[in-house]
Amino acid sequence: MHTYSSCAVLIFAGCAAVVSADDSAAVVDIGGRRELFVDSALIESMDGAERRLHHPVPQQISVVHDAPWEGAGSAYHSVIHDGDIYRMYYRGSALGVKDGKLKAGKSVYCYAESTDGVTWTKPELGLFEHNGSRQNNIILDGVGCHNFAPFRDTNPNCKLDERFKALGGLHSEGGLFAFKSADGIHWSLLRKEPVITEGAFDSQNLAFWDATAGMYRAYFRTFTEGVTTAKDWSPAGYRAIRTASSADFSSWNNEADLTYKDSPVEHLYTNQVGPYYRAPHILIGFPARYVERGWSESMRALPELEHREQRSKAHLRYGTAITEGLLMASRDGVHFERWNEAFLPPGPERKDTWLYGHQFIAWHAVETKSNLPGAANEISLYACEGSWTGNSNAMRRYTLRLDGFVSLKAPYKGGEVITRPLKFSGNKLSVNFSTSAAGSLRVEVQDKDGKPIPGFAADDCPALFGDSVDRTVTWNAGADISKLAGTPVRLKFVLQDADLYSFQVVK
C-alpha cells in the first residue's frame, strides 16, 4: 500500500508547487524562495560532489517528566515557536514495564514553556485535578489524550478563537477528533464526532495549514496490510503513514498513503511532517524508524541489560526494539524522499538510550540562539530518552545550523553541481555555506542550454570562503543579477572543501 491513485496525485499536485525529477527540461520558477537540498528536485548533475546528510548535535536535557501525572510513558511532543514564547505539549503517562509486567496509567496532556527554547518551565495552570490537586501543568484530560498534537493555525481566514488547533484520538475512541484554542492553553472540541475515522491512529497524528497548497494537511498512522478502521482494528504488515487534506479542518478527503523514492518498506512509528519555516514550500518530516532486533550478543551488550530483560518479559519488543530519527522531504505532500541513513541515531551507549521510544523527535524544528556568542541562530530539535522503565523520562535538545539538514559537499580536490533550469525574482543571490580555511565556493550562472552567461561565469566569481548562513555572491561586475530575473537559467556551484546548505535570490 505504498502507492496512491492518479486521482489523488492530480488533486494534491494541483494544490502545491510540484517538481518532477523525471522532467529535467522543465523550468522551475523558484521566485524568491529559499531552496534547500533535502531533496534532489533542483539538481541536474553532480561531478565530484554529493548530497551529505548532517546530524543534530546533542545538548542538555531540556525537560524531565518526573511529576506524578507524567512518567516513563510521557511522549508525542509538539513544540511551537509562538512569538516570544516556545510552547511544548506532551502526553503525561506512567505507561511502562515494572517487574516484567506492563503497567498502564491514565494519559493526560501537559504543557511546558520557554523564552529561549533552552530552559523550560512547567506552569501551574490549575485547569484539571490530579489526586485532589490542581497544582499541575495539565491542559487536557479525556478524549484525545493519547496523542494530542497542537499547531498554530496560520490560515489567514482562521477565527480568533481557533488560533490553535489540534488532532487527537485513538481507534478505540472512534478516530481523530479536532480541537481548537484561542490561547494554546484552554482547549475544546470543534465538534463532538471524530473528523477522521479510517486509520489506526496509535501514534502521533497531526495536521497543519499548508500555505503553499492553500489547505490543511493531516498525517496519521496506518498499516501496509490489514483492516485499520476505528470500527474493526486489526493491524498487520508495516507501520506506515497516510495523508489527507481539508479546506475547513472538519471534512477530510483525498486520502493517500505516502510513497518514497529509493527507500525500503520499513516500520515508521511517527511522522512529524510540517512545512520548514524558512522554506515553507518544502515539507520536512522526522519519522521514527522502529526496528525489532531480537536477542543477540550485541543486544545484550547494550545499556541496562536488566531493565531490557524486564521489559522483554512483558513483550519481546519492549526489550529488543530500537528506534531512531529519520529525515524526509516532499514538495507535493504525498511523495517523499527519505534518507535511509539515520538522521538522529541512538548515539553513544549510555543510560536511557538504545531502546524503544528513544530518539522520537518532537514535532517542529524551531529557531534558537547559538551558544556561541556572535554566531548565527541555529535550529533546535528535541528527542526522547529513557522510556518504559522507572518513573520518568526526558527530552534532550539537539542543535543544527539553519537549513543544515543536508548540504552539497565536495572534498578538497573539488566538485561541481548544476541545477535544472530555474526562473527567479530578485536581484542578489544569497548562500548558506561553509568552507575550510583553504576551501572555496564559486557560482556560475548559465543559460538554459548550459552555456555561461557573459560576466557570470565561474571565473568571474571571486572565491567565497568562510562560514555564513547569509552571504551575498558577487561577480567581477558586482552582485546585481536583476537583469536575469524571469529568464530560464542554470546555477553551477563549484565547491572545494565546502558545504552549500541553501540558496535564495533576494531583493
Protein backbone atom coordinates (compact mmCIF):
# COMPACT_ATOMS: atom_id res chain seq x y z
CA MET A 1 0.00 0.00 0.00
CA HIS A 2 2.86 2.36 -0.75
CA THR A 3 1.07 3.56 -3.86
CA TYR A 4 -1.63 6.12 -4.45
CA SER A 5 -4.18 6.72 -7.15
CA SER A 6 -3.66 9.03 -10.12
CA CYS A 7 -6.70 10.96 -8.93
CA ALA A 8 -5.03 11.68 -5.61
CA VAL A 9 -1.86 12.76 -7.40
CA LEU A 10 -3.77 15.24 -9.53
CA ILE A 11 -5.61 16.67 -6.56
CA PHE A 12 -2.51 17.12 -4.44
CA ALA A 13 -0.40 18.36 -7.33
CA GLY A 14 -3.00 20.97 -8.16
CA CYS A 15 -2.58 22.47 -4.70
CA ALA A 16 1.20 22.64 -4.40
CA ALA A 17 4.34 23.54 -6.30
CA VAL A 18 5.33 20.09 -7.53
CA VAL A 19 8.70 19.38 -9.11
CA SER A 20 9.06 16.20 -11.12
CA ALA A 21 12.58 14.81 -11.06
CA ASP A 22 11.81 12.96 -14.32
CA ASP A 23 11.26 16.16 -16.35
CA SER A 24 14.74 17.68 -16.42
CA ALA A 25 13.86 20.11 -19.23
CA ALA A 26 11.06 21.82 -17.29
CA VAL A 27 11.82 25.27 -15.91
CA VAL A 28 11.23 25.57 -12.16
CA ASP A 29 10.05 29.00 -11.03
CA ILE A 30 11.62 29.46 -7.58
CA GLY A 31 10.70 33.14 -7.35
CA GLY A 32 12.33 34.46 -4.18
CA ARG A 33 12.07 31.19 -2.25
CA ARG A 34 14.87 29.73 -0.21
CA GLU A 35 15.88 26.38 -1.69
CA LEU A 36 17.42 23.52 0.29
CA PHE A 37 18.97 20.23 -0.77
CA VAL A 38 16.89 17.93 1.45
CA ASP A 39 15.63 16.52 -1.83
CA SER A 40 17.15 16.27 -5.31
CA ALA A 41 14.36 18.14 -7.08
CA LEU A 42 16.52 21.02 -8.36
CA ILE A 43 19.70 19.09 -9.13
CA GLU A 44 20.53 18.24 -12.74
CA SER A 45 24.01 16.77 -12.29
CA MET A 46 26.86 16.36 -9.82
CA ASP A 47 30.52 15.76 -10.58
CA GLY A 48 32.89 15.16 -7.67
CA ALA A 49 30.24 16.35 -5.19
CA GLU A 50 27.47 14.70 -3.23
CA ARG A 51 24.47 15.46 -1.09
CA ARG A 52 25.60 14.97 2.51
CA LEU A 53 23.21 14.24 5.39
CA HIS A 54 24.14 16.08 8.60
CA HIS A 55 23.29 15.06 12.15
CA PRO A 56 21.97 17.12 15.07
CA VAL A 57 24.45 17.84 17.87
CA PRO A 58 23.36 16.75 21.38
CA GLN A 59 22.98 19.46 24.01
CA GLN A 60 21.47 19.47 27.51
CA ILE A 61 18.37 17.74 28.86
CA SER A 62 15.56 20.27 28.43
CA VAL A 63 12.60 18.75 30.27
CA VAL A 64 12.36 15.87 32.76
CA HIS A 65 8.94 14.22 33.01
CA ASP A 66 9.03 13.33 36.68
CA ALA A 67 5.75 14.72 38.03
CA PRO A 68 3.21 12.23 39.43
CA TRP A 69 0.91 12.78 36.41
CA GLU A 70 3.80 12.32 33.95
CA GLY A 71 6.11 9.28 33.99
CA ALA A 72 8.14 6.96 31.78
CA GLY A 73 5.39 6.86 29.16
CA SER A 74 5.49 10.61 28.50
CA ALA A 75 5.67 11.02 24.73
CA TYR A 76 4.36 12.53 21.50
CA HIS A 77 5.78 16.02 21.91
CA SER A 78 4.93 19.07 19.84
CA VAL A 79 6.95 22.30 20.02
CA ILE A 80 5.62 25.63 18.74
CA HIS A 81 7.60 28.87 18.45
CA ASP A 82 4.88 31.44 19.07
CA GLY A 83 6.30 34.96 19.08
CA ASP A 84 8.40 35.35 22.23
CA ILE A 85 7.29 32.02 23.68
CA TYR A 86 8.21 28.44 22.92
CA ARG A 87 5.38 26.05 23.75
CA MET A 88 5.84 22.33 24.36
CA TYR A 89 2.94 19.88 24.52
CA TYR A 90 3.32 16.25 25.54
CA ARG A 91 1.47 13.25 26.87
CA GLY A 92 1.91 12.54 30.55
CA SER A 93 1.63 8.81 31.23
CA ALA A 94 3.02 6.16 33.56
CA LEU A 95 2.91 3.64 30.70
CA GLY A 96 5.83 1.26 31.05
CA VAL A 97 7.04 -2.04 32.45
CA LYS A 98 7.52 -2.94 36.11
CA ASP A 99 8.59 -6.36 37.44
CA GLY A 100 8.19 -7.85 33.97
CA LYS A 101 4.58 -6.69 33.58
CA LEU A 102 3.12 -3.89 31.51
CA LYS A 103 1.66 -1.09 33.61
CA ALA A 104 -0.72 1.39 32.04
CA GLY A 105 -1.66 4.63 33.73
CA LYS A 106 -4.06 7.37 32.79
CA SER A 107 -2.95 9.68 29.99
CA VAL A 108 -3.25 13.46 30.23
CA TYR A 109 -1.77 16.18 28.08
CA CYS A 110 0.73 18.57 29.61
CA TYR A 111 2.32 21.91 28.79
CA ALA A 112 5.73 23.50 29.28
CA GLU A 113 7.05 26.81 28.01
CA SER A 114 10.28 28.66 27.46
CA THR A 115 11.51 32.11 26.48
CA ASP A 116 14.62 30.83 24.72
CA GLY A 117 13.94 27.22 23.73
CA VAL A 118 16.68 26.09 26.13
CA THR A 119 15.35 26.46 29.68
CA TRP A 120 11.81 25.20 30.17
CA THR A 121 9.27 25.60 32.97
CA LYS A 122 6.05 23.75 33.79
CA PRO A 123 3.50 26.39 34.81
CA GLU A 124 0.85 25.56 37.41
CA LEU A 125 -2.28 26.14 35.34
CA GLY A 126 -5.00 24.97 37.75
CA LEU A 127 -7.18 23.60 34.94
CA PHE A 128 -7.54 19.93 35.86
CA GLU A 129 -7.42 18.00 39.09
CA HIS A 130 -4.91 15.23 39.72
CA ASN A 131 -5.05 13.31 43.00
CA GLY A 132 -7.08 16.07 44.61
CA SER A 133 -4.89 18.98 43.48
CA ARG A 134 -4.99 21.44 40.58
CA GLN A 135 -1.35 22.43 41.01
CA ASN A 136 -0.16 20.95 37.74
CA ASN A 137 0.52 21.73 34.09
CA ILE A 138 -2.27 19.58 32.62
CA ILE A 139 -4.15 21.18 29.70
CA LEU A 140 -6.31 18.26 28.54
CA ASP A 141 -8.00 15.31 30.19
CA GLY A 142 -10.24 12.88 28.31
CA VAL A 143 -10.64 12.04 24.65
CA GLY A 144 -7.54 12.60 22.52
CA CYS A 145 -5.03 12.42 25.37
CA HIS A 146 -3.05 9.53 23.92
CA ASN A 147 -1.62 11.63 21.08
CA PHE A 148 -2.87 15.24 21.12
CA ALA A 149 -0.85 17.28 18.57
CA PRO A 150 -1.38 21.08 18.60
CA PHE A 151 -0.27 23.60 15.99
CA ARG A 152 -0.62 27.34 15.46
CA ASP A 153 -3.03 27.91 12.59
CA THR A 154 -1.60 30.39 10.05
CA ASN A 155 -4.63 30.22 7.75
CA PRO A 156 -5.42 33.91 7.04
CA ASN A 157 -9.13 33.09 7.44
CA CYS A 158 -8.65 31.44 10.83
CA LYS A 159 -11.06 32.59 13.55
CA LEU A 160 -9.53 34.23 16.63
CA ASP A 161 -10.90 31.56 18.96
CA GLU A 162 -9.32 28.88 16.75
CA ARG A 163 -5.80 30.35 16.55
CA PHE A 164 -4.51 26.99 17.76
CA LYS A 165 -5.85 23.67 16.51
CA ALA A 166 -5.05 20.03 17.13
CA LEU A 167 -5.91 16.45 16.26
CA GLY A 168 -6.02 13.67 18.80
CA GLY A 169 -7.67 10.31 19.28
CA LEU A 170 -7.46 6.54 19.04
CA HIS A 171 -9.32 3.87 17.09
CA SER A 172 -10.96 2.84 20.39
CA GLU A 173 -12.30 6.41 20.75
CA GLY A 174 -13.74 6.41 17.23
CA GLY A 175 -10.87 8.12 15.38
CA LEU A 176 -9.22 11.54 15.32
CA PHE A 177 -11.01 14.48 16.93
CA ALA A 178 -10.47 18.13 16.06
CA PHE A 179 -9.73 20.64 18.83
CA LYS A 180 -9.48 24.43 18.98
CA SER A 181 -8.00 27.03 21.33
CA ALA A 182 -7.61 30.79 21.39
CA ASP A 183 -4.50 30.81 23.58
CA GLY A 184 -2.93 27.36 23.26
CA ILE A 185 -3.84 26.56 26.88
CA HIS A 186 -7.64 26.23 27.06
CA TRP A 187 -8.93 23.64 24.61
CA SER A 188 -12.32 22.43 23.42
CA LEU A 189 -13.66 20.14 20.70
CA LEU A 190 -14.55 21.65 17.34
CA ARG A 191 -17.29 19.06 17.09
CA LYS A 192 -18.39 16.02 19.09
CA GLU A 193 -17.73 13.47 16.33
CA PRO A 194 -14.29 12.43 15.08
CA VAL A 195 -13.22 14.08 11.82
CA ILE A 196 -11.07 11.18 10.51
CA THR A 197 -12.19 7.60 11.19
CA GLU A 198 -10.27 5.42 8.72
CA GLY A 199 -6.89 4.60 10.19
CA ALA A 200 -5.02 3.02 13.08
CA PHE A 201 -4.07 6.26 14.92
CA ASP A 202 -1.89 4.62 17.62
CA SER A 203 0.88 7.15 17.06
CA GLN A 204 1.31 10.92 16.97
CA ASN A 205 -1.21 12.01 14.35
CA LEU A 206 -1.03 15.62 13.26
CA ALA A 207 -2.31 18.33 10.96
CA PHE A 208 -1.32 21.83 9.89
CA TRP A 209 -2.16 24.64 7.49
CA ASP A 210 -0.11 24.37 4.29
CA ALA A 211 0.09 27.94 2.99
CA THR A 212 1.72 26.87 -0.29
CA ALA A 213 -1.08 24.45 -1.10
CA GLY A 214 -3.82 26.57 0.49
CA MET A 215 -5.28 23.73 2.54
CA TYR A 216 -4.98 21.76 5.76
CA ARG A 217 -2.98 18.55 5.63
CA ALA A 218 -3.16 15.64 8.07
CA TYR A 219 -0.64 12.82 8.54
CA PHE A 220 -1.61 9.78 10.58
CA ARG A 221 -0.81 6.14 11.36
CA THR A 222 -1.92 3.32 9.15
CA PHE A 223 -0.58 -0.12 8.30
CA THR A 224 0.56 -1.55 4.98
CA GLU A 225 -1.83 -4.50 5.29
CA GLY A 226 -4.90 -5.49 7.26
CA VAL A 227 -8.04 -3.76 8.46
CA THR A 228 -7.23 -0.43 10.10
CA THR A 229 -10.55 1.25 10.74
CA ALA A 230 -11.79 2.62 14.04
CA LYS A 231 -14.63 0.09 13.96
CA ASP A 232 -12.62 -3.04 13.26
CA TRP A 233 -8.95 -2.58 14.06
CA SER A 234 -6.59 -5.47 13.37
CA PRO A 235 -3.21 -4.10 12.27
CA ALA A 236 -0.86 -6.15 10.14
CA GLY A 237 2.18 -5.52 8.00
CA TYR A 238 4.33 -2.44 8.48
CA ARG A 239 3.58 0.74 10.39
CA ALA A 240 3.03 3.37 7.70
CA ILE A 241 1.82 6.93 7.15
CA ARG A 242 -1.29 8.20 5.41
CA THR A 243 -2.21 11.76 4.49
CA ALA A 244 -5.46 13.61 3.83
CA SER A 245 -6.47 17.19 3.05
CA SER A 246 -9.21 19.56 4.13
CA ALA A 247 -10.46 23.06 3.37
CA ASP A 248 -12.10 23.58 6.78
CA PHE A 249 -10.33 21.21 9.23
CA SER A 250 -13.59 19.31 9.57
CA SER A 251 -14.21 17.43 6.32
CA TRP A 252 -11.16 15.43 5.23
CA ASN A 253 -10.65 13.72 1.87
CA ASN A 254 -8.05 12.88 -0.80
CA GLU A 255 -6.50 10.20 1.40
CA ALA A 256 -3.27 8.69 0.09
CA ASP A 257 -0.52 6.52 1.55
CA LEU A 258 2.89 8.14 1.37
CA THR A 259 5.35 6.86 -1.21
CA TYR A 260 9.12 7.10 -1.03
CA LYS A 261 11.93 7.42 -3.54
CA ASP A 262 14.57 4.67 -3.29
CA SER A 263 13.59 3.65 0.25
CA PRO A 264 12.65 0.20 1.55
CA VAL A 265 9.38 -0.63 3.23
CA GLU A 266 10.05 -0.41 6.96
CA HIS A 267 8.27 0.49 10.19
CA LEU A 268 7.77 4.26 10.58
CA TYR A 269 6.39 4.92 14.04
CA THR A 270 5.75 8.67 13.94
CA ASN A 271 5.87 11.10 11.01
CA GLN A 272 6.44 14.69 12.32
CA VAL A 273 5.71 16.25 8.91
CA GLY A 274 5.34 20.00 8.55
CA PRO A 275 6.44 22.99 6.46
CA TYR A 276 10.04 24.00 7.11
CA TYR A 277 9.59 27.53 8.44
CA ARG A 278 12.41 29.06 6.35
CA ALA A 279 11.20 27.37 3.15
CA PRO A 280 7.52 26.51 3.73
CA HIS A 281 7.02 25.10 0.23
CA ILE A 282 9.12 22.14 1.39
CA LEU A 283 7.53 19.72 3.83
CA ILE A 284 10.07 18.10 6.13
CA GLY A 285 9.36 15.06 8.31
CA PHE A 286 11.27 13.42 11.15
CA PRO A 287 9.71 9.94 11.31
CA ALA A 288 10.89 7.46 13.92
CA ARG A 289 12.23 4.23 12.44
CA TYR A 290 11.21 1.21 14.53
CA VAL A 291 13.44 -1.87 14.29
CA GLU A 292 12.84 -5.18 16.08
CA ARG A 293 16.35 -6.64 16.50
CA GLY A 294 15.62 -9.60 18.79
CA TRP A 295 18.09 -11.09 21.25
CA SER A 296 21.76 -11.38 20.30
CA GLU A 297 25.16 -10.78 21.82
CA SER A 298 25.05 -7.19 20.59
CA MET A 299 21.62 -6.70 22.16
CA ARG A 300 22.89 -7.98 25.50
CA ALA A 301 25.86 -5.63 25.27
CA LEU A 302 23.60 -2.55 25.09
CA PRO A 303 22.98 -0.40 28.18
CA GLU A 304 20.88 -1.53 31.18
CA LEU A 305 20.53 -5.22 30.34
CA GLU A 306 18.50 -5.92 33.48
CA HIS A 307 15.87 -3.35 32.50
CA ARG A 308 15.85 -4.69 28.95
CA GLU A 309 15.22 -8.21 30.19
CA GLN A 310 12.41 -7.00 32.45
CA ARG A 311 10.73 -5.20 29.58
CA SER A 312 11.06 -8.28 27.37
CA LYS A 313 9.09 -10.34 29.89
CA ALA A 314 6.09 -8.13 29.23
CA HIS A 315 6.65 -8.32 25.45
CA LEU A 316 9.76 -9.09 23.44
CA ARG A 317 9.61 -5.84 21.50
CA TYR A 318 9.58 -3.74 24.67
CA GLY A 319 13.07 -5.00 25.34
CA THR A 320 14.61 -5.59 21.94
CA ALA A 321 13.05 -3.00 19.63
CA ILE A 322 15.16 0.10 18.91
CA THR A 323 14.07 3.44 17.46
CA GLU A 324 15.87 6.36 15.83
CA GLY A 325 15.02 9.55 13.95
CA LEU A 326 14.94 9.81 10.14
CA LEU A 327 14.67 12.73 7.73
CA MET A 328 12.39 13.02 4.71
CA ALA A 329 11.12 15.82 2.48
CA SER A 330 8.35 16.43 -0.04
CA ARG A 331 7.08 19.15 -2.35
CA ASP A 332 3.65 17.66 -3.02
CA GLY A 333 2.81 16.20 0.38
CA VAL A 334 2.49 12.61 -0.84
CA HIS A 335 5.76 11.58 -2.48
CA PHE A 336 8.76 11.91 -0.16
CA GLU A 337 12.50 11.49 -0.50
CA ARG A 338 13.53 9.70 2.66
CA TRP A 339 17.12 9.32 3.77
CA ASN A 340 17.72 5.66 4.52
CA GLU A 341 20.64 6.54 6.79
CA ALA A 342 19.68 7.67 10.29
CA PHE A 343 19.32 11.42 10.83
CA LEU A 344 19.32 11.07 14.64
CA PRO A 345 20.80 7.65 15.52
CA PRO A 346 20.85 6.36 19.11
CA GLY A 347 24.41 7.62 19.54
CA PRO A 348 26.94 6.70 22.26
CA GLU A 349 25.78 3.90 24.52
CA ARG A 350 24.68 5.30 27.87
CA LYS A 351 21.82 5.14 30.33
CA ASP A 352 18.32 5.59 28.85
CA THR A 353 19.43 5.02 25.24
CA TRP A 354 19.26 2.35 22.55
CA LEU A 355 15.69 1.38 23.38
CA TYR A 356 12.12 1.51 22.10
CA GLY A 357 10.95 5.12 22.33
CA HIS A 358 14.45 6.61 22.18
CA GLN A 359 15.02 9.44 19.66
CA PHE A 360 11.35 10.11 18.97
CA ILE A 361 11.81 13.66 17.65
CA ALA A 362 9.29 16.29 18.75
CA TRP A 363 7.11 17.75 16.02
CA HIS A 364 8.61 21.00 14.65
CA ALA A 365 12.15 22.27 14.44
CA VAL A 366 12.41 25.75 15.99
CA GLU A 367 14.96 28.54 15.76
CA THR A 368 17.02 29.38 18.84
CA LYS A 369 20.10 31.45 19.62
CA SER A 370 23.52 29.84 19.39
CA ASN A 371 25.54 29.01 22.47
CA LEU A 372 28.47 30.71 20.74
CA PRO A 373 28.40 34.49 21.29
CA GLY A 374 28.08 36.29 17.98
CA ALA A 375 27.28 33.17 15.97
CA ALA A 376 24.17 32.91 13.81
CA ASN A 377 20.97 31.43 15.20
CA GLU A 378 20.51 27.70 14.89
CA ILE A 379 17.78 25.06 14.84
CA SER A 380 16.74 23.22 17.98
CA LEU A 381 15.18 19.75 17.93
CA TYR A 382 14.07 17.73 20.95
CA ALA A 383 14.11 13.95 21.32
CA CYS A 384 13.09 11.38 23.95
CA GLU A 385 15.36 9.46 26.31
CA GLY A 386 14.58 6.80 28.91
CA SER A 387 11.10 5.48 28.10
CA TRP A 388 9.37 2.38 29.52
CA THR A 389 11.38 1.87 32.74
CA GLY A 390 11.19 3.72 36.05
CA ASN A 391 9.04 6.72 36.92
CA SER A 392 10.27 9.33 34.44
CA ASN A 393 11.82 10.06 31.08
CA ALA A 394 13.24 13.19 29.48
CA MET A 395 13.69 15.31 26.37
CA ARG A 396 17.17 16.23 25.18
CA ARG A 397 17.77 19.27 22.99
CA TYR A 398 19.78 18.89 19.79
CA THR A 399 21.06 21.65 17.52
CA LEU A 400 21.72 22.05 13.82
CA ARG A 401 22.76 25.05 11.74
CA LEU A 402 19.96 26.89 9.92
CA ASP A 403 18.98 24.88 6.82
CA GLY A 404 21.64 22.41 7.92
CA PHE A 405 19.84 19.13 7.27
CA VAL A 406 21.62 18.34 4.01
CA SER A 407 24.40 20.05 2.08
CA LEU A 408 26.06 19.86 -1.30
CA LYS A 409 29.52 18.67 -0.28
CA ALA A 410 32.79 18.48 -2.18
CA PRO A 411 36.23 17.43 -0.89
CA TYR A 412 39.47 19.37 -1.25
CA LYS A 413 40.01 18.14 -4.81
CA GLY A 414 36.78 19.89 -5.75
CA GLY A 415 33.40 19.19 -7.29
CA GLU A 416 30.55 20.77 -9.24
CA VAL A 417 26.77 20.74 -9.07
CA ILE A 418 24.49 22.05 -11.84
CA THR A 419 20.82 22.81 -11.26
CA ARG A 420 17.88 22.22 -13.50
CA PRO A 421 16.63 25.30 -15.42
CA LEU A 422 15.31 27.87 -12.94
CA LYS A 423 13.50 31.19 -13.03
CA PHE A 424 13.85 33.61 -10.14
CA SER A 425 12.83 37.07 -8.96
CA GLY A 426 15.04 39.44 -7.02
CA ASN A 427 18.47 40.91 -7.62
CA LYS A 428 21.03 39.23 -5.33
CA LEU A 429 21.98 35.62 -4.73
CA SER A 430 22.47 34.70 -1.07
CA VAL A 431 24.05 31.42 0.02
CA ASN A 432 24.23 29.50 3.30
CA PHE A 433 27.64 27.82 3.12
CA SER A 434 30.80 26.83 4.97
CA THR A 435 34.34 26.12 3.84
CA SER A 436 37.65 25.21 5.38
CA ALA A 437 40.36 27.85 5.59
CA ALA A 438 41.66 26.60 2.24
CA GLY A 439 38.26 25.84 0.71
CA SER A 440 36.04 27.89 -1.57
CA LEU A 441 32.68 28.29 -3.30
CA ARG A 442 32.09 29.89 -6.69
CA VAL A 443 28.82 30.27 -8.57
CA GLU A 444 28.31 30.37 -12.30
CA VAL A 445 25.06 31.44 -13.96
CA GLN A 446 24.39 29.61 -17.21
CA ASP A 447 21.71 29.96 -19.83
CA LYS A 448 19.11 27.23 -20.17
CA ASP A 449 21.37 25.28 -22.50
CA GLY A 450 24.26 25.24 -20.05
CA LYS A 451 26.46 27.99 -21.53
CA PRO A 452 28.00 30.53 -19.09
CA ILE A 453 26.31 33.93 -19.30
CA PRO A 454 28.94 36.62 -20.01
CA GLY A 455 30.01 38.30 -16.79
CA PHE A 456 28.60 35.50 -14.63
CA ALA A 457 31.00 32.64 -15.35
CA ALA A 458 32.74 30.83 -12.50
CA ASP A 459 35.99 32.61 -13.40
CA ASP A 460 34.17 35.93 -12.92
CA CYS A 461 33.15 34.98 -9.36
CA PRO A 462 35.73 35.76 -6.65
CA ALA A 463 36.07 32.76 -4.34
CA LEU A 464 33.81 32.78 -1.31
CA PHE A 465 35.22 31.30 1.88
CA GLY A 466 34.06 31.33 5.48
CA ASP A 467 31.04 30.02 7.34
CA SER A 468 27.87 32.09 6.96
CA VAL A 469 24.14 31.46 6.77
CA ASP A 470 23.68 34.58 4.59
CA ARG A 471 26.49 35.63 2.22
CA THR A 472 25.87 37.56 -1.00
CA VAL A 473 27.56 36.15 -4.10
CA THR A 474 29.41 38.66 -6.24
CA TRP A 475 30.99 38.60 -9.67
CA ASN A 476 33.59 41.00 -11.06
CA ALA A 477 30.81 43.32 -12.21
CA GLY A 478 29.08 43.21 -8.81
CA ALA A 479 26.23 41.32 -7.13
CA ASP A 480 23.25 42.56 -9.14
CA ILE A 481 21.60 39.78 -11.17
CA SER A 482 18.26 41.54 -11.67
CA LYS A 483 18.69 41.58 -15.46
CA LEU A 484 18.48 37.78 -15.41
CA ALA A 485 15.25 37.69 -13.38
CA GLY A 486 12.42 35.84 -15.11
CA THR A 487 14.83 34.24 -17.60
CA PRO A 488 15.47 30.47 -17.51
CA VAL A 489 18.98 29.91 -16.14
CA ARG A 490 21.02 27.19 -14.51
CA LEU A 491 23.27 27.65 -11.50
CA LYS A 492 26.59 25.86 -11.33
CA PHE A 493 28.10 25.61 -7.85
CA VAL A 494 31.85 24.98 -7.85
CA LEU A 495 32.95 23.72 -4.43
CA GLN A 496 36.31 22.90 -2.88
CA ASP A 497 36.35 21.52 0.68
CA ALA A 498 33.00 23.24 1.12
CA ASP A 499 29.34 22.69 2.01
CA LEU A 500 26.39 24.54 0.48
CA TYR A 501 23.21 24.25 2.56
CA SER A 502 20.78 26.56 0.77
CA PHE A 503 20.46 29.48 -1.64
CA GLN A 504 17.95 32.24 -2.25
CA VAL A 505 17.61 35.13 -4.68
CA VAL A 506 16.59 38.11 -2.57
CA LYS A 507 15.63 41.72 -3.17
